């Protein structure tokens, strides 16, 4: 089983300060976004079995699930290819 982790983020995010847009763009994170994990190329799209740990009997993780307050996420999955979809 493998650990997959990352951040829900997008480039070219405009920073707002006091209601005004900055002329600079940054890498923006999206806290508490929904993360859905699909079996790569499945038609119709099929949610993958994912887990919250790598124990001998791994603990199933809800799919989709919510990213952390800083936009980070992580899960365990069996060997394979997956499509991740972020929303919210």
N, C-alpha and C. Protein backbone atom coordinates (compact mmCIF):
# COMPACT_ATOMS: atom_id res chain seq x y z
N UNK A 1 0.85 -1.17 0.00
CA UNK A 1 0.00 0.00 0.00
C UNK A 1 0.90 1.24 0.00
N UNK A 2 0.43 2.29 -0.65
CA UNK A 2 1.21 3.52 -0.79
C UNK A 2 0.50 4.70 -0.15
N UNK A 3 1.30 5.65 0.35
CA UNK A 3 0.73 6.89 0.89
C UNK A 3 0.76 7.95 -0.21
N UNK A 4 -0.37 8.56 -0.42
CA UNK A 4 -0.50 9.66 -1.37
C UNK A 4 -0.81 10.90 -0.54
N UNK A 5 -0.07 11.98 -0.77
CA UNK A 5 -0.33 13.20 -0.03
C UNK A 5 -0.03 14.40 -0.90
N UNK A 6 -0.63 15.51 -0.55
CA UNK A 6 -0.40 16.72 -1.32
C UNK A 6 -1.18 17.89 -0.75
N UNK A 7 -1.38 18.88 -1.61
CA UNK A 7 -2.07 20.11 -1.23
C UNK A 7 -3.13 20.41 -2.27
N UNK A 8 -4.28 20.91 -1.84
CA UNK A 8 -5.29 21.41 -2.75
C UNK A 8 -4.90 22.86 -3.02
N UNK A 9 -4.38 23.11 -4.23
CA UNK A 9 -3.87 24.44 -4.53
C UNK A 9 -3.96 24.72 -6.03
N UNK A 10 -3.84 25.98 -6.36
CA UNK A 10 -3.85 26.42 -7.76
C UNK A 10 -2.95 27.62 -7.91
N UNK A 11 -2.23 27.68 -9.01
CA UNK A 11 -1.35 28.81 -9.29
C UNK A 11 -2.14 30.01 -9.78
N UNK A 12 -1.45 31.12 -9.93
CA UNK A 12 -2.03 32.36 -10.44
C UNK A 12 -3.23 32.84 -9.62
N UNK A 13 -3.15 32.66 -8.29
CA UNK A 13 -4.21 33.12 -7.40
C UNK A 13 -3.93 34.58 -7.02
N UNK A 14 -4.92 35.42 -7.19
CA UNK A 14 -4.79 36.83 -6.85
C UNK A 14 -5.03 37.00 -5.35
N UNK A 15 -4.14 37.72 -4.69
CA UNK A 15 -4.27 37.98 -3.26
C UNK A 15 -5.14 39.22 -3.06
N UNK A 16 -6.08 39.12 -2.12
CA UNK A 16 -6.89 40.29 -1.77
C UNK A 16 -6.53 40.74 -0.36
N UNK A 17 -6.32 42.03 -0.21
CA UNK A 17 -6.04 42.62 1.10
C UNK A 17 -6.95 43.82 1.27
N UNK A 18 -7.74 43.79 2.30
CA UNK A 18 -8.67 44.89 2.55
C UNK A 18 -9.64 45.11 1.39
N UNK A 19 -10.00 44.01 0.69
CA UNK A 19 -10.94 44.11 -0.43
C UNK A 19 -10.32 44.54 -1.75
N UNK A 20 -9.01 44.79 -1.75
CA UNK A 20 -8.33 45.22 -2.98
C UNK A 20 -7.49 44.08 -3.54
N UNK A 21 -7.55 43.88 -4.86
CA UNK A 21 -6.74 42.85 -5.52
C UNK A 21 -5.30 43.32 -5.65
N UNK A 22 -4.38 42.43 -5.35
CA UNK A 22 -2.96 42.70 -5.54
C UNK A 22 -2.60 42.52 -7.01
N UNK A 23 -1.55 43.17 -7.45
CA UNK A 23 -1.09 42.96 -8.82
C UNK A 23 -0.22 41.71 -8.92
N UNK A 24 0.13 41.11 -7.77
CA UNK A 24 0.93 39.89 -7.74
C UNK A 24 0.03 38.67 -7.66
N UNK A 25 0.47 37.59 -8.27
CA UNK A 25 -0.25 36.33 -8.14
C UNK A 25 0.63 35.34 -7.39
N UNK A 26 0.00 34.41 -6.69
CA UNK A 26 0.72 33.45 -5.85
C UNK A 26 0.13 32.06 -6.02
N UNK A 27 0.77 31.09 -5.38
CA UNK A 27 0.24 29.73 -5.32
C UNK A 27 -0.76 29.72 -4.18
N UNK A 28 -2.06 29.58 -4.47
CA UNK A 28 -3.09 29.64 -3.45
C UNK A 28 -3.50 28.26 -2.98
N UNK A 29 -3.74 28.11 -1.68
CA UNK A 29 -4.25 26.85 -1.15
C UNK A 29 -5.74 27.00 -0.85
N UNK A 30 -6.41 25.87 -0.83
CA UNK A 30 -7.86 25.86 -0.63
C UNK A 30 -8.20 24.96 0.55
N UNK A 31 -8.23 25.56 1.75
CA UNK A 31 -8.50 24.79 2.96
C UNK A 31 -9.89 24.16 2.94
N UNK A 32 -9.98 22.99 3.55
CA UNK A 32 -11.25 22.28 3.77
C UNK A 32 -11.98 21.97 2.46
N UNK A 33 -11.25 21.83 1.37
CA UNK A 33 -11.86 21.44 0.09
C UNK A 33 -12.21 19.96 0.12
N UNK A 34 -13.11 19.56 -0.76
CA UNK A 34 -13.47 18.16 -0.89
C UNK A 34 -12.50 17.49 -1.87
N UNK A 35 -12.02 16.30 -1.49
CA UNK A 35 -11.11 15.52 -2.32
C UNK A 35 -11.81 14.19 -2.66
N UNK A 36 -11.97 13.90 -3.94
CA UNK A 36 -12.54 12.63 -4.38
C UNK A 36 -11.46 11.88 -5.15
N UNK A 37 -11.35 10.58 -4.89
CA UNK A 37 -10.32 9.75 -5.51
C UNK A 37 -11.03 8.69 -6.36
N UNK A 38 -10.74 8.71 -7.67
CA UNK A 38 -11.37 7.78 -8.60
C UNK A 38 -10.33 6.83 -9.18
N UNK A 39 -10.78 5.63 -9.55
CA UNK A 39 -9.93 4.69 -10.27
C UNK A 39 -9.65 5.32 -11.63
N UNK A 40 -8.39 5.44 -12.00
CA UNK A 40 -7.98 6.12 -13.23
C UNK A 40 -8.68 5.55 -14.46
N UNK A 41 -9.29 6.44 -15.22
CA UNK A 41 -9.88 6.07 -16.49
C UNK A 41 -11.15 5.24 -16.41
N UNK A 42 -11.71 5.06 -15.22
CA UNK A 42 -12.91 4.24 -15.09
C UNK A 42 -14.11 4.94 -15.74
N UNK A 43 -14.95 4.16 -16.39
CA UNK A 43 -16.15 4.71 -17.03
C UNK A 43 -17.29 3.72 -16.82
N UNK A 44 -18.31 4.11 -16.05
CA UNK A 44 -18.45 5.39 -15.38
C UNK A 44 -17.41 5.55 -14.26
N UNK A 45 -17.19 6.80 -13.86
CA UNK A 45 -16.19 7.09 -12.82
C UNK A 45 -16.50 6.30 -11.55
N UNK A 46 -15.50 5.58 -11.06
CA UNK A 46 -15.66 4.71 -9.89
C UNK A 46 -14.77 5.20 -8.76
N UNK A 47 -15.36 5.48 -7.60
CA UNK A 47 -14.57 5.89 -6.43
C UNK A 47 -13.66 4.74 -6.00
N UNK A 48 -12.42 5.07 -5.68
CA UNK A 48 -11.43 4.08 -5.26
C UNK A 48 -11.57 3.77 -3.78
N UNK A 49 -11.13 2.58 -3.39
CA UNK A 49 -11.04 2.23 -1.97
C UNK A 49 -9.77 2.89 -1.43
N UNK A 50 -9.93 3.73 -0.41
CA UNK A 50 -8.79 4.42 0.19
C UNK A 50 -8.84 4.23 1.70
N UNK A 51 -7.69 4.49 2.34
CA UNK A 51 -7.56 4.19 3.76
C UNK A 51 -6.85 5.33 4.49
N UNK A 52 -7.09 5.42 5.81
CA UNK A 52 -6.49 6.48 6.61
C UNK A 52 -5.17 6.06 7.23
N UNK A 53 -4.83 4.76 7.15
CA UNK A 53 -3.58 4.28 7.74
C UNK A 53 -3.09 3.07 6.95
N UNK A 54 -1.92 2.57 7.35
CA UNK A 54 -1.32 1.43 6.67
C UNK A 54 -1.18 0.25 7.62
N UNK A 55 -2.16 0.09 8.50
CA UNK A 55 -2.14 -1.02 9.46
C UNK A 55 -2.32 -2.35 8.75
N UNK A 56 -2.07 -3.44 9.47
CA UNK A 56 -2.28 -4.78 8.90
C UNK A 56 -3.72 -4.90 8.39
N UNK A 57 -4.67 -4.36 9.13
CA UNK A 57 -6.06 -4.24 8.67
C UNK A 57 -6.34 -2.75 8.56
N UNK A 58 -6.11 -2.16 7.38
CA UNK A 58 -6.22 -0.70 7.24
C UNK A 58 -7.62 -0.19 7.52
N UNK A 59 -7.69 1.03 8.03
CA UNK A 59 -8.95 1.68 8.35
C UNK A 59 -9.49 2.39 7.11
N UNK A 60 -10.68 1.99 6.62
CA UNK A 60 -11.24 2.66 5.44
C UNK A 60 -11.44 4.15 5.69
N UNK A 61 -11.22 4.94 4.65
CA UNK A 61 -11.42 6.38 4.70
C UNK A 61 -12.57 6.73 3.77
N UNK A 62 -13.46 7.59 4.24
CA UNK A 62 -14.58 8.03 3.40
C UNK A 62 -14.04 8.62 2.10
N UNK A 63 -14.72 8.37 1.02
CA UNK A 63 -14.33 8.90 -0.28
C UNK A 63 -15.59 9.41 -0.95
N UNK A 64 -15.74 10.72 -1.13
CA UNK A 64 -14.76 11.78 -0.93
C UNK A 64 -14.57 12.13 0.55
N UNK A 65 -13.50 12.90 0.81
CA UNK A 65 -13.19 13.35 2.16
C UNK A 65 -12.79 14.82 2.11
N UNK A 66 -12.61 15.43 3.27
CA UNK A 66 -12.30 16.85 3.36
C UNK A 66 -10.82 17.06 3.65
N UNK A 67 -10.18 17.96 2.89
CA UNK A 67 -8.78 18.31 3.13
C UNK A 67 -8.68 19.04 4.47
N UNK A 68 -7.47 19.15 4.98
CA UNK A 68 -7.23 19.81 6.26
C UNK A 68 -7.38 21.33 6.14
N UNK A 69 -7.34 22.00 7.29
CA UNK A 69 -7.54 23.46 7.35
C UNK A 69 -6.44 24.22 6.60
N UNK A 70 -5.29 23.60 6.36
CA UNK A 70 -4.23 24.26 5.59
C UNK A 70 -4.20 23.83 4.12
N UNK A 71 -5.19 23.04 3.70
CA UNK A 71 -5.27 22.58 2.32
C UNK A 71 -4.54 21.28 2.05
N UNK A 72 -3.86 20.73 3.05
CA UNK A 72 -3.13 19.47 2.85
C UNK A 72 -4.09 18.29 2.94
N UNK A 73 -3.69 17.18 2.31
CA UNK A 73 -4.48 15.95 2.40
C UNK A 73 -3.53 14.76 2.29
N UNK A 74 -4.01 13.61 2.71
CA UNK A 74 -3.24 12.39 2.58
C UNK A 74 -4.14 11.18 2.75
N UNK A 75 -3.77 10.09 2.10
CA UNK A 75 -4.51 8.83 2.22
C UNK A 75 -3.59 7.70 1.76
N UNK A 76 -3.99 6.48 2.04
CA UNK A 76 -3.28 5.29 1.58
C UNK A 76 -4.17 4.59 0.57
N UNK A 77 -3.52 3.94 -0.41
CA UNK A 77 -4.25 3.18 -1.42
C UNK A 77 -3.38 2.04 -1.92
N UNK A 78 -4.03 1.02 -2.45
CA UNK A 78 -3.31 -0.07 -3.08
C UNK A 78 -2.60 0.43 -4.33
N UNK A 79 -1.69 -0.35 -4.84
CA UNK A 79 -0.98 -0.01 -6.07
C UNK A 79 -1.99 0.25 -7.19
N UNK A 80 -1.77 1.30 -7.94
CA UNK A 80 -2.66 1.60 -9.06
C UNK A 80 -2.53 3.05 -9.47
N UNK A 81 -3.38 3.45 -10.40
CA UNK A 81 -3.42 4.84 -10.87
C UNK A 81 -4.76 5.43 -10.49
N UNK A 82 -4.73 6.70 -10.08
CA UNK A 82 -5.93 7.34 -9.56
C UNK A 82 -6.10 8.73 -10.17
N UNK A 83 -7.33 9.16 -10.24
CA UNK A 83 -7.67 10.52 -10.65
C UNK A 83 -8.22 11.23 -9.42
N UNK A 84 -7.63 12.37 -9.06
CA UNK A 84 -8.11 13.14 -7.92
C UNK A 84 -8.87 14.34 -8.43
N UNK A 85 -10.02 14.58 -7.81
CA UNK A 85 -10.87 15.71 -8.17
C UNK A 85 -11.09 16.55 -6.92
N UNK A 86 -10.76 17.84 -7.02
CA UNK A 86 -10.91 18.78 -5.90
C UNK A 86 -12.10 19.68 -6.17
N UNK A 87 -12.87 19.97 -5.12
CA UNK A 87 -13.99 20.91 -5.27
C UNK A 87 -14.25 21.60 -3.93
N UNK A 88 -15.02 22.66 -4.02
CA UNK A 88 -15.43 23.36 -2.80
C UNK A 88 -14.57 24.53 -2.46
